[in-house]
N, C-alpha and C. Protein backbone atom coordinates (compact mmCIF):
# COMPACT_ATOMS: atom_id res chain seq x y z
N MET A 1 0.85 -1.19 0.00
CA MET A 1 0.00 0.00 0.00
C MET A 1 0.88 1.24 0.00
N GLU A 2 0.57 2.18 -0.89
CA GLU A 2 1.37 3.38 -0.99
C GLU A 2 0.94 4.41 0.05
N GLN A 3 1.93 5.10 0.60
CA GLN A 3 1.66 6.11 1.61
C GLN A 3 1.04 7.34 0.96
N PRO A 4 0.17 8.02 1.68
CA PRO A 4 -0.38 9.27 1.14
C PRO A 4 0.74 10.29 0.87
N LEU A 5 0.51 11.13 -0.09
CA LEU A 5 1.51 12.11 -0.52
C LEU A 5 2.01 12.97 0.64
N ASN A 6 1.11 13.52 1.44
CA ASN A 6 1.54 14.39 2.54
C ASN A 6 2.43 13.66 3.54
N HIS A 7 2.14 12.40 3.77
CA HIS A 7 2.94 11.61 4.71
C HIS A 7 4.36 11.43 4.17
N ARG A 8 4.48 11.13 2.88
CA ARG A 8 5.80 10.96 2.28
C ARG A 8 6.59 12.26 2.32
N ILE A 9 5.91 13.38 2.03
CA ILE A 9 6.59 14.68 2.07
C ILE A 9 7.03 14.99 3.50
N ARG A 10 6.16 14.75 4.46
CA ARG A 10 6.47 15.03 5.86
C ARG A 10 7.70 14.22 6.31
N GLU A 11 7.75 12.95 5.95
CA GLU A 11 8.89 12.12 6.33
C GLU A 11 10.19 12.63 5.71
N ARG A 12 10.13 13.01 4.44
CA ARG A 12 11.34 13.51 3.77
C ARG A 12 11.77 14.85 4.35
N ALA A 13 10.83 15.72 4.66
CA ALA A 13 11.16 17.01 5.27
C ALA A 13 11.81 16.80 6.64
N TYR A 14 11.32 15.84 7.38
CA TYR A 14 11.91 15.53 8.69
C TYR A 14 13.35 15.03 8.53
N GLU A 15 13.57 14.18 7.53
CA GLU A 15 14.94 13.70 7.26
C GLU A 15 15.87 14.87 6.94
N MET A 16 15.39 15.80 6.12
CA MET A 16 16.20 16.97 5.76
C MET A 16 16.51 17.81 7.00
N TRP A 17 15.52 17.97 7.85
CA TRP A 17 15.70 18.76 9.08
C TRP A 17 16.72 18.09 9.98
N SER A 18 16.63 16.76 10.10
CA SER A 18 17.57 16.03 10.96
C SER A 18 18.99 16.12 10.43
N VAL A 19 19.15 15.89 9.13
CA VAL A 19 20.48 15.94 8.52
C VAL A 19 21.06 17.35 8.58
N GLY A 20 20.19 18.34 8.50
CA GLY A 20 20.63 19.74 8.50
C GLY A 20 20.93 20.29 9.88
N GLY A 21 20.99 19.47 10.91
CA GLY A 21 21.34 19.93 12.24
C GLY A 21 20.16 20.30 13.12
N ARG A 22 18.95 19.99 12.67
CA ARG A 22 17.72 20.24 13.46
C ARG A 22 17.56 21.69 13.89
N MET A 23 17.89 22.57 12.97
CA MET A 23 17.75 24.00 13.26
C MET A 23 16.31 24.44 13.05
N ASP A 24 15.81 25.25 13.97
CA ASP A 24 14.45 25.77 13.87
C ASP A 24 14.38 26.88 12.84
N GLY A 25 13.16 27.12 12.34
CA GLY A 25 12.92 28.24 11.44
C GLY A 25 13.07 27.91 9.96
N GLN A 26 13.27 26.65 9.61
CA GLN A 26 13.43 26.30 8.21
C GLN A 26 12.40 25.27 7.74
N ALA A 27 11.31 25.19 8.45
CA ALA A 27 10.29 24.18 8.13
C ALA A 27 9.73 24.37 6.71
N ASP A 28 9.47 25.61 6.34
CA ASP A 28 8.92 25.86 4.99
C ASP A 28 9.90 25.44 3.90
N GLN A 29 11.18 25.75 4.08
CA GLN A 29 12.18 25.38 3.09
C GLN A 29 12.30 23.85 2.98
N HIS A 30 12.30 23.18 4.13
CA HIS A 30 12.38 21.72 4.12
C HIS A 30 11.16 21.11 3.46
N TRP A 31 9.99 21.65 3.77
CA TRP A 31 8.76 21.10 3.20
C TRP A 31 8.77 21.26 1.67
N LEU A 32 9.11 22.45 1.19
CA LEU A 32 9.11 22.69 -0.25
C LEU A 32 10.15 21.83 -0.98
N ALA A 33 11.33 21.69 -0.39
CA ALA A 33 12.36 20.86 -1.00
C ALA A 33 11.92 19.39 -1.02
N ALA A 34 11.32 18.93 0.06
CA ALA A 34 10.84 17.55 0.14
C ALA A 34 9.71 17.33 -0.86
N GLU A 35 8.83 18.30 -0.98
CA GLU A 35 7.72 18.20 -1.93
C GLU A 35 8.25 18.07 -3.37
N ARG A 36 9.23 18.90 -3.72
CA ARG A 36 9.83 18.82 -5.05
C ARG A 36 10.42 17.44 -5.30
N GLU A 37 11.16 16.91 -4.33
CA GLU A 37 11.80 15.60 -4.48
C GLU A 37 10.76 14.49 -4.67
N VAL A 38 9.76 14.48 -3.80
CA VAL A 38 8.75 13.42 -3.85
C VAL A 38 7.96 13.47 -5.15
N LEU A 39 7.56 14.66 -5.56
CA LEU A 39 6.81 14.78 -6.81
C LEU A 39 7.67 14.41 -8.03
N ALA A 40 8.94 14.80 -8.02
CA ALA A 40 9.84 14.42 -9.11
C ALA A 40 10.02 12.91 -9.17
N GLU A 41 10.13 12.29 -8.01
CA GLU A 41 10.26 10.83 -7.94
C GLU A 41 9.01 10.15 -8.48
N MET A 42 7.85 10.67 -8.12
CA MET A 42 6.59 10.10 -8.60
C MET A 42 6.47 10.27 -10.11
N THR A 43 6.86 11.43 -10.62
CA THR A 43 6.78 11.70 -12.05
C THR A 43 7.73 10.77 -12.82
N ALA A 44 8.94 10.60 -12.30
CA ALA A 44 9.90 9.72 -12.96
C ALA A 44 9.40 8.28 -12.96
N HIS A 45 8.80 7.86 -11.85
CA HIS A 45 8.28 6.50 -11.75
C HIS A 45 7.13 6.30 -12.74
N THR A 46 6.24 7.28 -12.85
CA THR A 46 5.11 7.19 -13.77
C THR A 46 5.59 7.17 -15.22
N SER A 47 6.57 8.02 -15.54
CA SER A 47 7.11 8.05 -16.90
C SER A 47 7.78 6.73 -17.26
N ALA A 48 8.52 6.16 -16.32
CA ALA A 48 9.19 4.89 -16.57
C ALA A 48 8.16 3.77 -16.78
N ALA A 49 7.09 3.80 -16.01
CA ALA A 49 6.06 2.77 -16.15
C ALA A 49 5.37 2.88 -17.51
N LYS A 50 5.12 4.09 -17.97
CA LYS A 50 4.50 4.28 -19.28
C LYS A 50 5.43 3.81 -20.39
N ALA A 51 6.71 4.13 -20.27
CA ALA A 51 7.68 3.73 -21.29
C ALA A 51 7.80 2.22 -21.34
N THR A 52 7.79 1.58 -20.20
CA THR A 52 7.89 0.13 -20.15
C THR A 52 6.67 -0.52 -20.78
N SER A 53 5.49 -0.01 -20.48
CA SER A 53 4.28 -0.62 -21.02
C SER A 53 4.18 -0.43 -22.53
N SER A 54 4.68 0.66 -23.07
CA SER A 54 4.61 0.86 -24.52
C SER A 54 5.62 -0.03 -25.24
N HIS A 55 6.71 -0.39 -24.57
CA HIS A 55 7.71 -1.24 -25.20
C HIS A 55 7.35 -2.72 -25.13
N THR A 56 6.42 -3.09 -24.30
CA THR A 56 6.08 -4.51 -24.16
C THR A 56 4.90 -4.91 -25.03
N SER A 57 4.34 -3.98 -25.78
CA SER A 57 3.16 -4.30 -26.57
C SER A 57 3.49 -4.75 -27.98
N GLY A 58 4.73 -4.95 -28.31
CA GLY A 58 5.11 -5.40 -29.64
C GLY A 58 6.22 -4.57 -30.21
N ARG A 59 6.66 -4.95 -31.40
CA ARG A 59 7.73 -4.19 -32.05
C ARG A 59 7.17 -2.97 -32.73
N HIS A 60 8.00 -1.93 -32.83
CA HIS A 60 7.59 -0.68 -33.46
C HIS A 60 8.63 -0.28 -34.49
N THR A 61 8.16 0.39 -35.54
CA THR A 61 9.07 0.97 -36.50
C THR A 61 9.57 2.29 -35.94
N ARG A 62 10.45 2.96 -36.65
CA ARG A 62 10.98 4.23 -36.16
C ARG A 62 9.90 5.29 -35.99
N ASP A 63 8.85 5.23 -36.82
CA ASP A 63 7.79 6.23 -36.71
C ASP A 63 6.75 5.86 -35.66
N GLY A 64 6.98 4.75 -34.93
CA GLY A 64 6.08 4.38 -33.85
C GLY A 64 4.98 3.41 -34.23
N THR A 65 4.95 3.00 -35.49
CA THR A 65 3.92 2.06 -35.92
C THR A 65 4.18 0.70 -35.29
N ASN A 66 3.15 0.13 -34.69
CA ASN A 66 3.27 -1.17 -34.03
C ASN A 66 3.20 -2.26 -35.09
N ILE A 67 4.28 -3.06 -35.22
CA ILE A 67 4.28 -4.13 -36.21
C ILE A 67 4.33 -5.50 -35.55
N GLY A 68 4.32 -5.53 -34.23
CA GLY A 68 4.49 -6.79 -33.52
C GLY A 68 3.23 -7.60 -33.34
N ARG A 69 2.09 -7.00 -33.43
CA ARG A 69 0.85 -7.72 -33.17
C ARG A 69 -0.17 -7.49 -34.27
N GLN A 70 0.19 -7.88 -35.44
CA GLN A 70 -0.74 -7.73 -36.56
C GLN A 70 -1.68 -8.93 -36.59
N ARG A 71 -2.89 -8.70 -37.02
CA ARG A 71 -3.86 -9.78 -37.12
C ARG A 71 -3.50 -10.72 -38.25
N LYS A 72 -3.72 -12.00 -38.01
CA LYS A 72 -3.49 -12.97 -39.06
C LYS A 72 -4.68 -12.97 -40.00
N ARG A 73 -4.38 -13.08 -41.28
CA ARG A 73 -5.46 -13.12 -42.27
C ARG A 73 -5.99 -14.55 -42.35
N PRO A 74 -7.29 -14.69 -42.52
CA PRO A 74 -7.82 -16.05 -42.65
C PRO A 74 -7.29 -16.73 -43.91
N ALA A 75 -7.13 -18.04 -43.82
CA ALA A 75 -6.62 -18.79 -44.99
C ALA A 75 -7.66 -18.75 -46.09
N LYS A 76 -7.15 -18.70 -47.33
CA LYS A 76 -8.05 -18.67 -48.49
C LYS A 76 -8.67 -20.05 -48.69
N ALA A 77 -9.94 -20.07 -48.97
CA ALA A 77 -10.63 -21.34 -49.25
C ALA A 77 -10.43 -21.70 -50.72
N SER A 78 -10.24 -22.97 -51.01
CA SER A 78 -10.00 -23.41 -52.40
C SER A 78 -11.27 -23.58 -53.16
């Protein structure tokens, strides 16, 4: 089960605060930086999933035409 977006951002912001010496007064900066990271990670993951699914549906020509799953023609009757 995937964590809600705000929870993931909150955890990352806390990590940044801890690594940065736990200084007060930088919560907004940590939150915004964590939000950028989490959203970029989600976008990269979504893009990779789309790219993978398009490559598994058959072979493509350079112009993107799918040639891997063409329908077979029925045999001619004599």
